[in-house]
Amino acid sequence: MSEKVKFTVDGITLVGDLRVPARPGPHPALVLTGPFTGTRDQVTGRYAARLAESGYVTLAFDHRNWGESGGEPRNHEDPQGKLHDLRAAVSLLRSRPEVDGDRVGAVGICLGGGYALKFAAFDPRVKAFAGVAGAYNNPYDMRAGMSPAGYQGMLASFTGALERQDLGGPVEYLPAVAEEGEAAMPGDEPFAYYGTSRGASAHWRNEVTRASLRELVTMDNMTGADFLSPKPGLIVHGIVDRFCSPEDAEKAYRRMDEPKRLVWLDARLHIDLYDTEPHVTRAVEAVAAFFGEHL
């Protein structure tokens, strides 16, 4: 059973899809958060549907500023706001009679992997975490990937856009994906999913605020790995991933304490874990089995 639900956080109305297994409950429940710019009818919806078939109540929703949910500016990444959204989503799940409120887990895919990790680490209602093809952003690694001057120059560029807005200018946008030219996620691989029928959604727009890129290079979601214990954590990742590095996935795993599990999949593209078989099935099976043991 799938039900469209609405809930409110910080005065913003969020829209999600609640999926409930066919057999009688109450069931363990999972809140899902997904890729940068993604909407709930793309990657998170796919995983939510498959995990509901495995016996979990699932909630995939559009974060503030994205998809059908409210919030301004549109298509803007709000890291602290996303953590608030996840908090309210768990409150909704625990209020439902179909849910065993003491058995709630968090699942993140791509950028959502880092959000789910940090959220699970600091919300005692969440009992376990799983990240799939996760991006575990932190500013230390972002700066290490370029020169200190290059990092400061990047910050100056993004902050310039915010200063222009502060002085009355419009919100500045750039394409989310593009095969060539400037985009938040440039190149053929992101375009192969979002720019084609594979990621088609009536609620997704090929634009993102320029200031969102500042959030990506300054957020610290990796710190969740240091604070997750004693909750169980699972990391599922492709052995080759140009966008969410296997090295960062392994680093997050090392920083987590037991109980924990790391599952490597023979995926060669980041977006293989969005919609390509057998990778999605193997990821779902790993997540379902892990929560079956620990949730």
C-alpha atoms as a PDB file:
ATOM      1  CA  MET A   1       0.000   0.000   0.000  1.00  0.00           C
ATOM      2  CA  SER A   2       1.299   3.443  -0.914  1.00  0.00           C
ATOM      3  CA  GLU A   3      -0.132   6.626   0.571  1.00  0.00           C
ATOM      4  CA  LYS A   4       0.773  10.212  -0.251  1.00  0.00           C
ATOM      5  CA  VAL A   5       1.411  12.028   3.021  1.00  0.00           C
ATOM      6  CA  LYS A   6       2.104  15.607   4.070  1.00  0.00           C
ATOM      7  CA  PHE A   7       3.823  16.801   7.214  1.00  0.00           C
ATOM      8  CA  THR A   8       5.139  20.118   8.466  1.00  0.00           C
ATOM      9  CA  VAL A   9       8.517  21.154   9.848  1.00  0.00           C
ATOM     10  CA  ASP A  10       9.733  24.697  10.525  1.00  0.00           C
ATOM     11  CA  GLY A  11       6.489  25.948   8.980  1.00  0.00           C
ATOM     12  CA  ILE A  12       7.231  24.173   5.670  1.00  0.00           C
ATOM     13  CA  THR A  13       4.958  21.487   4.255  1.00  0.00           C
ATOM     14  CA  LEU A  14       6.784  18.409   3.002  1.00  0.00           C
ATOM     15  CA  VAL A  15       5.299  15.764   0.706  1.00  0.00           C
ATOM     16  CA  GLY A  16       6.161  12.080   0.822  1.00  0.00           C
ATOM     17  CA  ASP A  17       5.068   8.569  -0.065  1.00  0.00           C
ATOM     18  CA  LEU A  18       4.430   6.162   2.787  1.00  0.00           C
ATOM     19  CA  ARG A  19       4.606   2.509   1.760  1.00  0.00           C
ATOM     20  CA  VAL A  20       3.254  -0.222   4.043  1.00  0.00           C
ATOM     21  CA  PRO A  21       3.799  -3.983   3.596  1.00  0.00           C
ATOM     22  CA  ALA A  22       0.743  -6.080   2.831  1.00  0.00           C
ATOM     23  CA  ARG A  23       0.962  -8.297   5.877  1.00  0.00           C
ATOM     24  CA  PRO A  24      -0.318  -7.069   9.265  1.00  0.00           C
ATOM     25  CA  GLY A  25       1.986  -4.924  11.418  1.00  0.00           C
ATOM     26  CA  PRO A  26       3.318  -3.171  13.269  1.00  0.00           C
ATOM     27  CA  HIS A  27       6.474  -3.196  11.159  1.00  0.00           C
ATOM     28  CA  PRO A  28       9.962  -1.753  11.466  1.00  0.00           C
ATOM     29  CA  ALA A  29      10.217   1.475   9.518  1.00  0.00           C
ATOM     30  CA  LEU A  30      12.811   3.195   7.348  1.00  0.00           C
ATOM     31  CA  VAL A  31      13.172   6.859   6.430  1.00  0.00           C
ATOM     32  CA  LEU A  32      15.017   7.471   3.163  1.00  0.00           C
ATOM     33  CA  THR A  33      16.991  10.420   1.841  1.00  0.00           C
ATOM     34  CA  GLY A  34      18.659  10.530  -1.521  1.00  0.00           C
ATOM     35  CA  PRO A  35      20.867  12.146  -4.144  1.00  0.00           C
ATOM     36  CA  PHE A  36      21.697  15.809  -4.604  1.00  0.00           C
ATOM     37  CA  THR A  37      18.816  17.490  -6.510  1.00  0.00           C
ATOM     38  CA  GLY A  38      16.806  14.243  -6.412  1.00  0.00           C
ATOM     39  CA  THR A  39      13.075  13.925  -5.847  1.00  0.00           C
ATOM     40  CA  ARG A  40      11.211  11.122  -4.143  1.00  0.00           C
ATOM     41  CA  ASP A  41       9.933   9.530  -7.357  1.00  0.00           C
ATOM     42  CA  GLN A  42      13.469   8.865  -8.536  1.00  0.00           C
ATOM     43  CA  VAL A  43      16.109   6.937  -6.569  1.00  0.00           C
ATOM     44  CA  THR A  44      14.627   7.050  -3.059  1.00  0.00           C
ATOM     45  CA  GLY A  45      11.253   5.942  -4.354  1.00  0.00           C
ATOM     46  CA  ARG A  46      12.799   2.942  -6.088  1.00  0.00           C
ATOM     47  CA  TYR A  47      14.569   1.830  -2.906  1.00  0.00           C
ATOM     48  CA  ALA A  48      11.550   2.611  -0.738  1.00  0.00           C
ATOM     49  CA  ALA A  49       9.311   0.396  -2.867  1.00  0.00           C
ATOM     50  CA  ARG A  50      11.769  -2.495  -2.843  1.00  0.00           C
ATOM     51  CA  LEU A  51      12.362  -2.274   0.916  1.00  0.00           C
ATOM     52  CA  ALA A  52       8.612  -2.173   1.555  1.00  0.00           C
ATOM     53  CA  GLU A  53       8.396  -5.467  -0.336  1.00  0.00           C
ATOM     54  CA  SER A  54      10.972  -6.769   2.161  1.00  0.00           C
ATOM     55  CA  GLY A  55       8.690  -6.038   5.110  1.00  0.00           C
ATOM     56  CA  TYR A  56       9.523  -2.449   6.111  1.00  0.00           C
ATOM     57  CA  VAL A  57       7.274   0.583   6.276  1.00  0.00           C
ATOM     58  CA  THR A  58       9.148   3.150   4.203  1.00  0.00           C
ATOM     59  CA  LEU A  59       8.927   6.906   3.827  1.00  0.00           C
ATOM     60  CA  ALA A  60      10.518   8.600   0.819  1.00  0.00           C
ATOM     61  CA  PHE A  61       9.828  12.325   0.676  1.00  0.00           C
ATOM     62  CA  ASP A  62      10.857  15.527  -1.045  1.00  0.00           C
ATOM     63  CA  HIS A  63      13.116  17.612   1.156  1.00  0.00           C
ATOM     64  CA  ARG A  64      12.395  21.297   1.639  1.00  0.00           C
ATOM     65  CA  ASN A  65      12.994  23.392  -1.489  1.00  0.00           C
ATOM     66  CA  TRP A  66      12.762  20.342  -3.777  1.00  0.00           C
ATOM     67  CA  GLY A  67      10.039  18.505  -5.680  1.00  0.00           C
ATOM     68  CA  GLU A  68       6.496  18.904  -4.376  1.00  0.00           C
ATOM     69  CA  SER A  69       7.582  20.117  -0.949  1.00  0.00           C
ATOM     70  CA  GLY A  70       7.536  23.779   0.057  1.00  0.00           C
ATOM     71  CA  GLY A  71      10.454  25.991   0.928  1.00  0.00           C
ATOM     72  CA  GLU A  72      12.461  28.794  -0.628  1.00  0.00           C
ATOM     73  CA  PRO A  73      14.610  29.359  -2.529  1.00  0.00           C
ATOM     74  CA  ARG A  74      13.625  26.559  -4.833  1.00  0.00           C
ATOM     75  CA  ASN A  75      16.167  23.866  -5.639  1.00  0.00           C
ATOM     76  CA  HIS A  76      18.521  24.982  -2.900  1.00  0.00           C
ATOM     77  CA  GLU A  77      20.563  22.608  -0.728  1.00  0.00           C
ATOM     78  CA  ASP A  78      19.926  23.273   2.973  1.00  0.00           C
ATOM     79  CA  PRO A  79      21.989  20.834   5.080  1.00  0.00           C
ATOM     80  CA  GLN A  80      20.620  21.801   8.480  1.00  0.00           C
ATOM     81  CA  GLY A  81      17.124  21.974   7.056  1.00  0.00           C
ATOM     82  CA  LYS A  82      17.457  18.463   5.657  1.00  0.00           C
ATOM     83  CA  LEU A  83      18.335  17.146   9.119  1.00  0.00           C
ATOM     84  CA  HIS A  84      15.218  18.872  10.467  1.00  0.00           C
ATOM     85  CA  ASP A  85      13.200  17.264   7.663  1.00  0.00           C
ATOM     86  CA  LEU A  86      14.476  13.821   8.632  1.00  0.00           C
ATOM     87  CA  ARG A  87      13.601  14.464  12.267  1.00  0.00           C
ATOM     88  CA  ALA A  88      10.015  15.349  11.339  1.00  0.00           C
ATOM     89  CA  ALA A  89       9.796  12.364   8.993  1.00  0.00           C
ATOM     90  CA  VAL A  90      10.708  10.015  11.853  1.00  0.00           C
ATOM     91  CA  SER A  91       8.118  11.719  14.054  1.00  0.00           C
ATOM     92  CA  LEU A  92       5.527  10.983  11.380  1.00  0.00           C
ATOM     93  CA  LEU A  93       6.608   7.358  11.077  1.00  0.00           C
ATOM     94  CA  ARG A  94       6.448   6.801  14.829  1.00  0.00           C
ATOM     95  CA  SER A  95       2.929   8.247  14.939  1.00  0.00           C
ATOM     96  CA  ARG A  96       1.580   5.670  12.494  1.00  0.00           C
ATOM     97  CA  PRO A  97      -0.168   2.554  13.831  1.00  0.00           C
ATOM     98  CA  GLU A  98       1.522   0.411  11.153  1.00  0.00           C
ATOM     99  CA  VAL A  99       4.957   1.225  12.619  1.00  0.00           C
ATOM    100  CA  ASP A 100       6.849  -0.230  15.547  1.00  0.00           C
ATOM    101  CA  GLY A 101       8.205   3.071  16.837  1.00  0.00           C
ATOM    102  CA  ASP A 102      11.139   1.419  18.592  1.00  0.00           C
ATOM    103  CA  ARG A 103      12.447  -0.043  15.318  1.00  0.00           C
ATOM    104  CA  VAL A 104      13.241   2.851  12.990  1.00  0.00           C
ATOM    105  CA  GLY A 105      16.248   2.996  10.673  1.00  0.00           C
ATOM    106  CA  ALA A 106      17.697   5.587   8.291  1.00  0.00           C
ATOM    107  CA  VAL A 107      18.754   4.827   4.709  1.00  0.00           C
ATOM    108  CA  GLY A 108      20.674   7.258   2.523  1.00  0.00           C
ATOM    109  CA  ILE A 109      21.675   6.976  -1.118  1.00  0.00           C
ATOM    110  CA  CYS A 110      24.370   9.178  -2.693  1.00  0.00           C
ATOM    111  CA  LEU A 111      24.439  12.562  -0.879  1.00  0.00           C
ATOM    112  CA  GLY A 112      21.707  11.172   1.365  1.00  0.00           C
ATOM    113  CA  GLY A 113      24.200   8.624   2.682  1.00  0.00           C
ATOM    114  CA  GLY A 114      26.025  11.338   4.580  1.00  0.00           C
ATOM    115  CA  TYR A 115      22.815  12.966   5.787  1.00  0.00           C
ATOM    116  CA  ALA A 116      21.409   9.639   6.995  1.00  0.00           C
ATOM    117  CA  LEU A 117      24.669   8.866   8.799  1.00  0.00           C
ATOM    118  CA  LYS A 118      24.799  12.198  10.623  1.00  0.00           C
ATOM    119  CA  PHE A 119      21.094  12.100  11.414  1.00  0.00           C
ATOM    120  CA  ALA A 120      21.201   8.550  12.763  1.00  0.00           C
ATOM    121  CA  ALA A 121      24.226   9.384  14.910  1.00  0.00           C
ATOM    122  CA  PHE A 122      22.476  12.178  16.780  1.00  0.00           C
ATOM    123  CA  ASP A 123      18.809  11.116  16.925  1.00  0.00           C
ATOM    124  CA  PRO A 124      18.245   8.455  19.610  1.00  0.00           C
ATOM    125  CA  ARG A 125      14.984   7.340  18.000  1.00  0.00           C
ATOM    126  CA  VAL A 126      16.927   5.974  15.012  1.00  0.00           C
ATOM    127  CA  LYS A 127      18.351   2.546  15.800  1.00  0.00           C
ATOM    128  CA  ALA A 128      20.423   1.708  12.703  1.00  0.00           C
ATOM    129  CA  PHE A 129      21.915   3.267   9.569  1.00  0.00           C
ATOM    130  CA  ALA A 130      22.570   2.138   5.997  1.00  0.00           C
ATOM    131  CA  GLY A 131      24.281   4.106   3.237  1.00  0.00           C
ATOM    132  CA  VAL A 132      24.259   3.103  -0.444  1.00  0.00           C
ATOM    133  CA  ALA A 133      26.758   4.694  -2.856  1.00  0.00           C
ATOM    134  CA  GLY A 134      27.060   7.347  -0.181  1.00  0.00           C
ATOM    135  CA  ALA A 135      28.735  10.747  -0.292  1.00  0.00           C
ATOM    136  CA  TYR A 136      30.234  11.343   3.145  1.00  0.00           C
ATOM    137  CA  ASN A 137      31.175  14.976   2.633  1.00  0.00           C
ATOM    138  CA  ASN A 138      33.505  16.828   4.937  1.00  0.00           C
ATOM    139  CA  PRO A 139      35.439  20.060   4.394  1.00  0.00           C
ATOM    140  CA  TYR A 140      38.800  18.523   5.305  1.00  0.00           C
ATOM    141  CA  ASP A 141      38.704  16.160   2.339  1.00  0.00           C
ATOM    142  CA  MET A 142      37.229  18.820   0.081  1.00  0.00           C
ATOM    143  CA  ARG A 143      40.127  21.142   0.854  1.00  0.00           C
ATOM    144  CA  ALA A 144      42.656  18.307   0.574  1.00  0.00           C
ATOM    145  CA  GLY A 145      41.433  17.628  -2.942  1.00  0.00           C
ATOM    146  CA  MET A 146      42.615  21.063  -4.060  1.00  0.00           C
ATOM    147  CA  SER A 147      45.133  23.640  -2.929  1.00  0.00           C
ATOM    148  CA  PRO A 148      44.258  25.786   0.096  1.00  0.00           C
ATOM    149  CA  ALA A 149      44.166  28.781  -2.225  1.00  0.00           C
ATOM    150  CA  GLY A 150      41.913  26.901  -4.623  1.00  0.00           C
ATOM    151  CA  TYR A 151      39.513  26.033  -1.805  1.00  0.00           C
ATOM    152  CA  GLN A 152      39.377  29.646  -0.643  1.00  0.00           C
ATOM    153  CA  GLY A 153      38.844  30.806  -4.204  1.00  0.00           C
ATOM    154  CA  MET A 154      35.925  28.435  -4.571  1.00  0.00           C
ATOM    155  CA  LEU A 155      34.392  29.737  -1.348  1.00  0.00           C
ATOM    156  CA  ALA A 156      34.835  33.301  -2.539  1.00  0.00           C
ATOM    157  CA  SER A 157      33.032  32.540  -5.789  1.00  0.00           C
ATOM    158  CA  PHE A 158      30.037  30.946  -4.107  1.00  0.00           C
ATOM    159  CA  THR A 159      29.883  33.567  -1.369  1.00  0.00           C
ATOM    160  CA  GLY A 160      29.899  36.261  -4.032  1.00  0.00           C
ATOM    161  CA  ALA A 161      26.590  34.913  -5.304  1.00  0.00           C
ATOM    162  CA  LEU A 162      25.162  35.090  -1.792  1.00  0.00           C
ATOM    163  CA  GLU A 163      26.422  38.655  -1.313  1.00  0.00           C
ATOM    164  CA  ARG A 164      24.668  39.733  -4.498  1.00  0.00           C
ATOM    165  CA  GLN A 165      21.474  38.162  -3.168  1.00  0.00           C
ATOM    166  CA  ASP A 166      21.936  39.882   0.196  1.00  0.00           C
ATOM    167  CA  LEU A 167      22.054  43.217  -1.626  1.00  0.00           C
ATOM    168  CA  GLY A 168      18.783  42.585  -3.421  1.00  0.00           C
ATOM    169  CA  GLY A 169      19.840  40.596  -6.433  1.00  0.00           C
ATOM    170  CA  PRO A 170      18.038  37.484  -7.671  1.00  0.00           C
ATOM    171  CA  VAL A 171      18.804  33.944  -6.585  1.00  0.00           C
ATOM    172  CA  GLU A 172      21.468  32.657  -8.972  1.00  0.00           C
ATOM    173  CA  TYR A 173      21.035  29.256 -10.617  1.00  0.00           C
ATOM    174  CA  LEU A 174      23.031  26.932 -12.802  1.00  0.00           C
ATOM    175  CA  PRO A 175      22.052  23.637 -14.481  1.00  0.00           C
ATOM    176  CA  ALA A 176      22.055  20.583 -12.261  1.00  0.00           C
ATOM    177  CA  VAL A 177      23.463  18.459 -15.108  1.00  0.00           C
ATOM    178  CA  ALA A 178      24.937  19.107 -18.534  1.00  0.00           C
ATOM    179  CA  GLU A 179      26.917  16.924 -20.914  1.00  0.00           C
ATOM    180  CA  GLU A 180      29.123  19.920 -21.690  1.00  0.00           C
ATOM    181  CA  GLY A 181      29.618  23.277 -20.037  1.00  0.00           C
ATOM    182  CA  GLU A 182      28.946  24.481 -16.528  1.00  0.00           C
ATOM    183  CA  ALA A 183      26.707  22.447 -14.254  1.00  0.00           C
ATOM    184  CA  ALA A 184      26.555  21.423 -10.621  1.00  0.00           C
ATOM    185  CA  MET A 185      27.093  17.815 -11.757  1.00  0.00           C
ATOM    186  CA  PRO A 186      28.843  18.089 -15.127  1.00  0.00           C
ATOM    187  CA  GLY A 187      29.609  15.297 -17.538  1.00  0.00           C
ATOM    188  CA  ASP A 188      28.057  12.343 -19.258  1.00  0.00           C
ATOM    189  CA  GLU A 189      27.327  10.109 -16.268  1.00  0.00           C
ATOM    190  CA  PRO A 190      25.020  12.429 -14.271  1.00  0.00           C
ATOM    191  CA  PHE A 191      23.371  13.470 -17.531  1.00  0.00           C
ATOM    192  CA  ALA A 192      22.772   9.823 -18.436  1.00  0.00           C
ATOM    193  CA  TYR A 193      20.428   9.561 -15.457  1.00  0.00           C
ATOM    194  CA  TYR A 194      18.927  13.018 -14.878  1.00  0.00           C
ATOM    195  CA  GLY A 195      19.047  14.278 -18.442  1.00  0.00           C
ATOM    196  CA  THR A 196      17.278  11.293 -19.991  1.00  0.00           C
ATOM    197  CA  SER A 197      14.135   9.245 -19.496  1.00  0.00           C
ATOM    198  CA  ARG A 198      15.906   7.169 -16.836  1.00  0.00           C
ATOM    199  CA  GLY A 199      15.429   9.872 -14.210  1.00  0.00           C
ATOM    200  CA  ALA A 200      12.331  11.496 -15.685  1.00  0.00           C
ATOM    201  CA  SER A 201      10.131  13.151 -13.064  1.00  0.00           C
ATOM    202  CA  ALA A 202       7.425  15.779 -13.293  1.00  0.00           C
ATOM    203  CA  HIS A 203       8.811  17.266 -10.079  1.00  0.00           C
ATOM    204  CA  TRP A 204      12.520  17.480 -10.956  1.00  0.00           C
ATOM    205  CA  ARG A 205      14.049  20.582 -12.519  1.00  0.00           C
ATOM    206  CA  ASN A 206      17.429  20.843 -14.177  1.00  0.00           C
ATOM    207  CA  GLU A 207      18.561  23.716 -12.011  1.00  0.00           C
ATOM    208  CA  VAL A 208      20.149  24.289  -8.640  1.00  0.00           C
ATOM    209  CA  THR A 209      21.152  27.423  -6.760  1.00  0.00           C
ATOM    210  CA  ARG A 210      24.781  28.390  -7.166  1.00  0.00           C
ATOM    211  CA  ALA A 211      24.964  28.763  -3.387  1.00  0.00           C
ATOM    212  CA  SER A 212      24.138  25.052  -3.030  1.00  0.00           C
ATOM    213  CA  LEU A 213      27.673  24.257  -4.164  1.00  0.00           C
ATOM    214  CA  ARG A 214      29.019  26.165  -1.174  1.00  0.00           C
ATOM    215  CA  GLU A 215      26.988  23.848   1.057  1.00  0.00           C
ATOM    216  CA  LEU A 216      28.471  20.772  -0.622  1.00  0.00           C
ATOM    217  CA  VAL A 217      32.057  21.835   0.047  1.00  0.00           C
ATOM    218  CA  THR A 218      31.507  23.044   3.629  1.00  0.00           C
ATOM    219  CA  MET A 219      29.121  20.458   5.124  1.00  0.00           C
ATOM    220  CA  ASP A 220      30.542  17.851   7.502  1.00  0.00           C
ATOM    221  CA  ASN A 221      28.455  14.689   7.427  1.00  0.00           C
ATOM    222  CA  MET A 222      31.430  12.358   7.900  1.00  0.00           C
ATOM    223  CA  THR A 223      31.449  13.285  11.589  1.00  0.00           C
ATOM    224  CA  GLY A 224      28.386  11.074  11.990  1.00  0.00           C
ATOM    225  CA  ALA A 225      30.668   8.059  11.660  1.00  0.00           C
ATOM    226  CA  ASP A 226      32.436   9.042  14.876  1.00  0.00           C
ATOM    227  CA  PHE A 227      29.198   9.277  16.836  1.00  0.00           C
ATOM    228  CA  LEU A 228      27.038   6.474  15.405  1.00  0.00           C
ATOM    229  CA  SER A 229      28.122   3.875  17.981  1.00  0.00           C
ATOM    230  CA  PRO A 230      26.625   1.850  19.562  1.00  0.00           C
ATOM    231  CA  LYS A 231      24.108   1.825  16.708  1.00  0.00           C
ATOM    232  CA  PRO A 232      24.772  -0.601  13.840  1.00  0.00           C
ATOM    233  CA  GLY A 233      25.962   0.816  10.539  1.00  0.00           C
ATOM    234  CA  LEU A 234      26.069  -0.580   7.014  1.00  0.00           C
ATOM    235  CA  ILE A 235      27.902   0.858   4.028  1.00  0.00           C
ATOM    236  CA  VAL A 236      27.164  -0.513   0.542  1.00  0.00           C
ATOM    237  CA  HIS A 237      29.317   0.882  -2.249  1.00  0.00           C
ATOM    238  CA  GLY A 238      30.453   0.215  -5.786  1.00  0.00           C
ATOM    239  CA  ILE A 239      34.083  -0.720  -6.308  1.00  0.00           C
ATOM    240  CA  VAL A 240      34.380   2.025  -8.948  1.00  0.00           C
ATOM    241  CA  ASP A 241      32.659   5.362  -8.380  1.00  0.00           C
ATOM    242  CA  ARG A 242      33.852   8.655  -9.873  1.00  0.00           C
ATOM    243  CA  PHE A 243      31.395  10.785  -7.910  1.00  0.00           C
ATOM    244  CA  CYS A 244      31.228   9.287  -4.413  1.00  0.00           C
ATOM    245  CA  SER A 245      34.632   7.796  -3.877  1.00  0.00           C
ATOM    246  CA  PRO A 246      35.102   4.254  -2.554  1.00  0.00           C
ATOM    247  CA  GLU A 247      37.978   5.662  -0.477  1.00  0.00           C
ATOM    248  CA  ASP A 248      35.576   7.953   1.410  1.00  0.00           C
ATOM    249  CA  ALA A 249      33.152   5.071   1.906  1.00  0.00           C
ATOM    250  CA  GLU A 250      35.944   2.997   3.401  1.00  0.00           C
ATOM    251  CA  LYS A 251      37.026   5.934   5.548  1.00  0.00           C
ATOM    252  CA  ALA A 252      33.485   6.309   6.936  1.00  0.00           C
ATOM    253  CA  TYR A 253      33.410   2.576   7.636  1.00  0.00           C
ATOM    254  CA  ARG A 254      36.735   2.694   9.477  1.00  0.00           C
ATOM    255  CA  ARG A 255      35.558   5.587  11.629  1.00  0.00           C
ATOM    256  CA  MET A 256      32.420   3.703  12.674  1.00  0.00           C
ATOM    257  CA  ASP A 257      32.568   1.330  15.642  1.00  0.00           C
ATOM    258  CA  GLU A 258      31.071  -2.143  15.757  1.00  0.00           C
ATOM    259  CA  PRO A 259      28.584  -3.472  14.883  1.00  0.00           C
ATOM    260  CA  LYS A 260      29.222  -2.505  11.288  1.00  0.00           C
ATOM    261  CA  ARG A 261      29.397  -4.021   7.824  1.00  0.00           C
ATOM    262  CA  LEU A 262      30.935  -2.970   4.519  1.00  0.00           C
ATOM    263  CA  VAL A 263      29.569  -4.508   1.304  1.00  0.00           C
ATOM    264  CA  TRP A 264      31.371  -3.941  -1.975  1.00  0.00           C
ATOM    265  CA  LEU A 265      29.361  -4.343  -5.177  1.00  0.00           C
ATOM    266  CA  ASP A 266      30.840  -4.880  -8.628  1.00  0.00           C
ATOM    267  CA  ALA A 267      29.383  -1.608  -9.930  1.00  0.00           C
ATOM    268  CA  ARG A 268      31.460   0.528 -12.286  1.00  0.00           C
ATOM    269  CA  LEU A 269      29.348   3.685 -12.373  1.00  0.00           C
ATOM    270  CA  HIS A 270      27.877   5.687  -9.523  1.00  0.00           C
ATOM    271  CA  ILE A 271      24.458   5.669 -11.182  1.00  0.00           C
ATOM    272  CA  ASP A 272      24.531   1.866 -11.452  1.00  0.00           C
ATOM    273  CA  LEU A 273      23.209   1.916  -7.892  1.00  0.00           C
ATOM    274  CA  TYR A 274      20.382   4.248  -8.875  1.00  0.00           C
ATOM    275  CA  ASP A 275      18.467   1.959 -11.226  1.00  0.00           C
ATOM    276  CA  THR A 276      20.616  -0.763 -12.808  1.00  0.00           C
ATOM    277  CA  GLU A 277      20.320  -4.488 -12.148  1.00  0.00           C
ATOM    278  CA  PRO A 278      21.632  -6.577 -10.562  1.00  0.00           C
ATOM    279  CA  HIS A 279      23.220  -3.789  -8.523  1.00  0.00           C
ATOM    280  CA  VAL A 280      20.011  -2.343  -7.051  1.00  0.00           C
ATOM    281  CA  THR A 281      18.729  -5.778  -6.055  1.00  0.00           C
ATOM    282  CA  ARG A 282      22.013  -6.634  -4.374  1.00  0.00           C
ATOM    283  CA  ALA A 283      22.023  -3.332  -2.514  1.00  0.00           C
ATOM    284  CA  VAL A 284      18.423  -3.784  -1.373  1.00  0.00           C
ATOM    285  CA  GLU A 285      19.136  -7.329  -0.239  1.00  0.00           C
ATOM    286  CA  ALA A 286      22.158  -6.156   1.761  1.00  0.00           C
ATOM    287  CA  VAL A 287      20.163  -3.384   3.439  1.00  0.00           C
ATOM    288  CA  ALA A 288      17.160  -5.592   4.182  1.00  0.00           C
ATOM    289  CA  ALA A 289      19.340  -8.344   5.625  1.00  0.00           C
ATOM    290  CA  PHE A 290      21.333  -5.935   7.794  1.00  0.00           C
ATOM    291  CA  PHE A 291      18.237  -4.326   9.263  1.00  0.00           C
ATOM    292  CA  GLY A 292      16.739  -7.784   9.707  1.00  0.00           C
ATOM    293  CA  GLU A 293      19.622  -8.545  12.054  1.00  0.00           C
ATOM    294  CA  HIS A 294      19.868  -5.231  13.844  1.00  0.00           C
ATOM    295  CA  LEU A 295      16.529  -3.410  13.764  1.00  0.00           C
END
